N, C-alpha and C. Protein backbone atom coordinates (compact mmCIF):
# COMPACT_ATOMS: atom_id res chain seq x y z
N MET A 1 77.54 103.38 91.30
CA MET A 1 75.82 103.03 90.99
C MET A 1 75.18 103.60 92.53
N ALA A 2 74.32 104.59 92.44
CA ALA A 2 73.51 104.96 93.60
C ALA A 2 72.50 104.09 93.70
N LEU A 3 72.28 103.56 94.74
CA LEU A 3 70.85 102.60 95.04
C LEU A 3 70.04 103.64 95.72
N THR A 4 68.57 103.25 95.40
CA THR A 4 67.71 104.18 95.84
C THR A 4 66.99 103.48 97.31
N GLY A 5 66.41 104.26 97.96
CA GLY A 5 65.60 103.90 99.31
C GLY A 5 64.59 102.45 98.92
N ASP A 6 63.94 102.53 97.69
CA ASP A 6 63.30 101.18 97.61
C ASP A 6 64.04 99.97 97.20
N GLN A 7 65.27 100.26 96.57
CA GLN A 7 66.17 98.91 96.35
C GLN A 7 66.58 98.52 97.79
N ILE A 8 67.01 99.44 98.60
CA ILE A 8 67.36 98.92 99.98
C ILE A 8 66.33 98.26 100.87
N ARG A 9 65.15 98.85 100.65
CA ARG A 9 64.13 98.17 101.31
C ARG A 9 63.90 96.82 100.84
N TRP A 10 63.83 96.70 99.30
CA TRP A 10 63.69 95.25 98.77
C TRP A 10 64.84 94.27 99.19
N VAL A 11 66.00 94.68 99.16
CA VAL A 11 67.18 93.88 99.84
C VAL A 11 66.97 93.42 101.12
N ALA A 12 66.56 94.53 101.91
CA ALA A 12 66.29 94.27 103.19
C ALA A 12 65.09 93.15 103.46
N HIS A 13 64.31 93.03 102.68
CA HIS A 13 63.05 92.46 102.72
C HIS A 13 63.46 90.93 102.27
N LEU A 14 64.06 90.93 101.20
CA LEU A 14 64.90 89.51 100.74
C LEU A 14 65.86 88.94 101.93
N ALA A 15 66.52 89.76 102.54
CA ALA A 15 67.47 89.36 103.71
C ALA A 15 66.73 89.11 105.07
N ARG A 16 65.39 89.52 104.84
CA ARG A 16 64.48 89.52 106.18
C ARG A 16 65.23 90.45 107.43
N LEU A 17 65.51 91.51 107.07
CA LEU A 17 65.94 92.45 107.75
C LEU A 17 64.95 93.67 107.87
N GLU A 18 64.83 94.12 109.09
CA GLU A 18 64.26 95.48 109.33
C GLU A 18 64.91 96.61 109.72
N PHE A 19 64.73 97.93 108.93
CA PHE A 19 65.27 98.88 109.04
C PHE A 19 64.43 100.02 109.53
N ASP A 20 64.73 100.98 110.40
CA ASP A 20 63.73 102.13 110.76
C ASP A 20 63.99 103.23 109.65
N PRO A 21 63.10 103.89 109.21
CA PRO A 21 63.05 104.79 108.14
C PRO A 21 64.34 105.64 107.83
N GLN A 22 64.85 106.10 109.08
CA GLN A 22 66.09 106.85 109.20
C GLN A 22 67.38 106.04 108.89
N GLU A 23 67.37 104.59 108.96
CA GLU A 23 68.52 104.00 108.63
C GLU A 23 68.74 103.75 107.05
N ILE A 24 67.74 103.91 106.45
CA ILE A 24 67.48 103.48 105.10
C ILE A 24 68.59 104.48 104.21
N GLU A 25 68.69 105.82 104.49
CA GLU A 25 69.63 106.58 103.63
C GLU A 25 71.10 106.27 103.97
N PRO A 26 71.52 106.13 105.32
CA PRO A 26 72.85 105.43 105.41
C PRO A 26 73.20 104.39 104.67
N PHE A 27 72.31 103.13 104.84
CA PHE A 27 72.54 102.08 104.40
C PHE A 27 72.58 102.02 102.88
N ALA A 28 71.79 102.89 102.14
CA ALA A 28 71.79 103.29 100.94
C ALA A 28 73.22 103.59 100.22
N ARG A 29 73.79 104.61 101.15
CA ARG A 29 75.07 105.22 100.84
C ARG A 29 76.15 104.22 100.95
N GLU A 30 76.16 103.32 102.11
CA GLU A 30 77.19 102.57 102.14
C GLU A 30 77.11 101.14 101.22
N LEU A 31 75.85 100.84 100.71
CA LEU A 31 75.74 99.93 99.83
C LEU A 31 76.08 100.35 98.52
N SER A 32 76.03 101.46 98.21
CA SER A 32 76.17 102.06 96.94
C SER A 32 77.70 102.10 96.79
N HIS A 33 78.44 102.43 97.95
CA HIS A 33 79.91 102.42 97.78
C HIS A 33 80.54 100.96 97.72
N ILE A 34 79.76 99.97 98.24
CA ILE A 34 80.35 98.63 98.03
C ILE A 34 80.11 98.25 96.67
N VAL A 35 79.02 98.45 96.09
CA VAL A 35 78.47 98.06 94.65
C VAL A 35 79.65 98.84 93.80
N SER A 36 79.91 100.16 93.99
CA SER A 36 80.78 100.85 93.01
C SER A 36 82.18 100.16 93.19
N TYR A 37 82.58 99.74 94.35
CA TYR A 37 83.89 98.94 94.52
C TYR A 37 83.92 97.90 93.72
N VAL A 38 82.86 96.96 93.59
CA VAL A 38 82.79 95.73 92.91
C VAL A 38 82.86 96.08 91.35
N ASP A 39 82.35 97.19 90.89
CA ASP A 39 82.13 97.38 89.67
C ASP A 39 83.64 97.78 89.30
N GLN A 40 84.38 98.60 90.01
CA GLN A 40 85.85 98.84 89.96
C GLN A 40 86.62 97.54 89.65
N LEU A 41 86.45 96.55 90.46
CA LEU A 41 86.93 95.40 90.38
C LEU A 41 86.78 94.68 89.28
N GLN A 42 85.51 94.81 88.60
CA GLN A 42 85.13 93.88 87.44
C GLN A 42 85.98 94.60 86.21
N GLN A 43 86.52 95.92 86.46
CA GLN A 43 87.28 96.44 85.15
C GLN A 43 88.51 96.09 85.03
N VAL A 44 89.25 95.17 86.08
CA VAL A 44 90.36 94.90 86.15
C VAL A 44 90.78 93.95 85.13
N ASN A 45 91.82 94.03 84.37
CA ASN A 45 91.92 92.95 83.57
C ASN A 45 92.66 91.79 83.87
N VAL A 46 92.15 90.64 83.60
CA VAL A 46 92.68 89.49 84.31
C VAL A 46 93.00 88.50 83.21
N ASP A 47 93.27 89.00 81.99
CA ASP A 47 93.69 87.76 80.98
C ASP A 47 94.95 87.19 81.43
N GLY A 48 95.12 85.88 81.10
CA GLY A 48 96.30 85.31 81.31
C GLY A 48 96.44 84.90 82.98
N VAL A 49 95.42 85.35 83.79
CA VAL A 49 95.58 85.06 85.03
C VAL A 49 94.83 83.67 85.41
N GLU A 50 95.59 82.94 86.10
CA GLU A 50 95.02 81.27 86.46
C GLU A 50 93.96 81.83 87.48
N PRO A 51 92.77 80.96 87.42
CA PRO A 51 91.79 80.83 88.61
C PRO A 51 92.69 80.36 89.84
N LEU A 52 92.35 80.50 90.79
CA LEU A 52 92.70 79.99 92.04
C LEU A 52 91.76 79.93 93.33
N SER A 53 91.93 78.90 93.99
CA SER A 53 90.90 78.96 95.17
C SER A 53 91.35 79.38 96.47
N HIS A 54 93.00 79.81 96.32
CA HIS A 54 93.51 80.15 97.69
C HIS A 54 94.64 80.80 97.04
N PRO A 55 94.86 82.19 97.85
CA PRO A 55 95.86 82.94 97.37
C PRO A 55 97.39 82.14 97.66
N LEU A 56 97.53 81.28 98.72
CA LEU A 56 98.62 80.66 98.97
C LEU A 56 98.84 79.24 98.60
N PRO A 57 100.00 78.78 98.17
CA PRO A 57 99.92 77.50 97.97
C PRO A 57 99.98 76.60 99.07
N LEU A 58 98.82 75.56 98.98
CA LEU A 58 98.44 74.55 99.84
C LEU A 58 99.28 73.54 99.76
N GLN A 59 99.43 72.79 100.81
CA GLN A 59 99.85 71.39 100.74
C GLN A 59 99.36 70.73 101.93
N ASN A 60 99.32 69.19 101.71
CA ASN A 60 98.68 68.34 102.71
C ASN A 60 99.82 68.22 104.05
N VAL A 61 99.41 68.43 105.10
CA VAL A 61 100.25 68.50 106.31
C VAL A 61 99.92 67.42 107.16
N PHE A 62 99.09 66.47 106.76
CA PHE A 62 98.79 65.18 107.22
C PHE A 62 99.91 64.09 107.00
N ARG A 63 99.99 63.20 108.09
CA ARG A 63 101.02 62.09 107.77
C ARG A 63 100.25 61.09 107.02
N ALA A 64 101.39 60.17 106.41
CA ALA A 64 100.73 59.29 105.68
C ALA A 64 100.03 58.15 106.11
N ASP A 65 98.79 57.49 105.70
CA ASP A 65 98.42 56.47 106.50
C ASP A 65 99.18 55.35 106.71
N GLU A 66 99.22 54.81 107.85
CA GLU A 66 99.97 53.41 108.29
C GLU A 66 99.07 52.51 108.89
N LEU A 67 99.20 51.29 108.38
CA LEU A 67 98.50 50.20 109.08
C LEU A 67 99.12 50.22 110.49
N ARG A 68 97.96 50.06 111.60
CA ARG A 68 98.60 49.78 112.82
C ARG A 68 97.46 49.09 113.48
N PRO A 69 97.83 48.52 114.55
CA PRO A 69 96.78 47.69 115.41
C PRO A 69 95.88 48.74 115.96
N SER A 70 94.63 48.27 116.24
CA SER A 70 93.64 49.50 116.64
C SER A 70 93.99 49.27 118.40
N LEU A 71 93.22 50.12 119.10
CA LEU A 71 93.09 50.00 120.38
C LEU A 71 92.22 48.95 121.07
N PRO A 72 92.65 48.22 122.17
CA PRO A 72 92.02 47.25 122.46
C PRO A 72 90.63 47.71 122.92
N VAL A 73 89.51 46.93 122.69
CA VAL A 73 88.24 47.35 123.13
C VAL A 73 88.17 47.76 124.59
N ASP A 74 88.62 46.83 125.52
CA ASP A 74 88.43 47.06 126.95
C ASP A 74 89.22 48.63 127.32
N GLU A 75 90.35 48.86 126.67
CA GLU A 75 91.04 50.05 126.88
C GLU A 75 90.30 51.19 126.34
N ALA A 76 89.43 51.16 125.15
CA ALA A 76 88.80 52.15 124.29
C ALA A 76 87.42 52.51 125.33
N MET A 77 86.88 51.24 125.96
CA MET A 77 85.58 51.64 126.80
C MET A 77 85.89 51.65 128.30
N ALA A 78 87.22 51.90 128.74
CA ALA A 78 87.65 52.21 129.98
C ALA A 78 86.88 53.32 130.64
N ASN A 79 86.42 54.43 129.96
CA ASN A 79 85.75 55.67 130.59
C ASN A 79 84.52 55.72 130.34
N ALA A 80 83.93 54.67 129.54
CA ALA A 80 82.61 54.77 129.23
C ALA A 80 81.63 54.75 130.33
N PRO A 81 80.43 55.71 130.41
CA PRO A 81 79.82 55.73 131.70
C PRO A 81 78.88 54.36 131.62
N ALA A 82 78.65 53.93 130.46
CA ALA A 82 77.67 52.53 130.60
C ALA A 82 78.11 52.00 129.24
N ARG A 83 78.09 50.45 129.44
CA ARG A 83 78.51 49.47 128.34
C ARG A 83 77.73 48.64 128.09
N LYS A 84 77.61 48.36 126.88
CA LYS A 84 76.76 46.89 126.64
C LYS A 84 77.39 46.25 125.65
N GLY A 85 78.13 45.11 126.08
CA GLY A 85 79.06 44.36 125.33
C GLY A 85 80.35 45.07 124.87
N ASP A 86 80.59 45.25 123.71
CA ASP A 86 81.70 46.08 123.28
C ASP A 86 81.39 47.37 122.74
N PHE A 87 80.11 47.88 123.14
CA PHE A 87 79.64 49.20 122.65
C PHE A 87 79.36 49.91 123.73
N TYR A 88 79.18 51.49 123.41
CA TYR A 88 78.61 52.43 124.32
C TYR A 88 77.35 52.16 124.50
N ALA A 89 76.77 52.09 125.82
CA ALA A 89 75.15 52.11 125.97
C ALA A 89 74.68 53.64 126.12
N VAL A 90 73.60 54.08 125.45
CA VAL A 90 73.18 55.21 125.59
C VAL A 90 71.50 55.18 125.67
N PRO A 91 70.88 56.15 126.45
CA PRO A 91 69.48 56.11 126.45
C PRO A 91 68.79 56.07 125.03
N ALA A 92 67.86 55.13 124.97
CA ALA A 92 66.97 55.08 123.81
C ALA A 92 66.27 56.39 123.45
N VAL A 93 66.32 57.06 122.36
CA VAL A 93 65.53 58.30 121.97
C VAL A 93 64.17 58.05 121.23
N MET A 94 64.04 56.86 120.81
CA MET A 94 62.70 56.29 120.10
C MET A 94 62.53 55.00 120.70
N ASP A 95 60.98 54.83 120.74
CA ASP A 95 60.44 53.54 121.39
C ASP A 95 60.39 52.66 120.24
């Protein structure tokens, strides 16, 4: 499918891109090749092929959740630059 210069300018407008007039023709050729390749892919017979979200089998690599005691507050706050009770103190951003 060959795209015209007007179609390339319209796509560029939608994408908020600016092309010099001499760039339109090379982009039209390149985008036409891409669209032709997508047309080729649409002709592939995929009957009986299960849809998938990833080409490789995925598995959870995280460890199981286990209940453990939390870090003590004093140890967690040891490197805090400013502290207010058991919380980090940060500058106010609103009045």
